[in-house]
Amino acid sequence: MPGREQGIIRTRIPDDLRFKLEQAAKENRRSMASEIAIRLEESFSAPALAADLKEMIDRHSDRMLRELGERRAQLNALERQITEWDAQLRKREEQLELRISELRDKVEKRNARLRTAQGQIHKRRVKNGNDNGEKS
């Protein structure tokens, strides 16, 4: 790292960790020393990054919770509307069933009067001796 005072640190690390560092340095086209220095530097900035991420997550979580509350309120309003419509439909269905029943009763009464009238006409014809409905 040009322009910085550099010190030498000798340390022992496990072979598998050394291998990972060598691979990372090769992939990033850096020396082992540069790779180690950059990774150490990043480890010190990680808490700040974590704090930034937490703030973003909190901000988005708050927004999402507000939106969820709004959606729940909308859903509740829709459920109330559906319940109201359902009650109206049931009431209308009852009214229609009552009206159908009234009309059936009317038809039955008219049919009964018609049968009575037909029976009376038939009796008159039989009494007059003309069962076919023709005048003699």
Foldseek 3Di string as FASTA:
>chain_A
DPPDDDDDDDDDDDPVVLVVLVVVCVVVVHDSVVSVVVVVVVVVCVVVVVVVVVVVVVVVVVVVVVVVVVVVVVVVVVVVVVVVVVVVVVVVVVVVVVVVVVVVVVVVVVVVVVVVVVVVLQVVCVVQVHNPSDDD
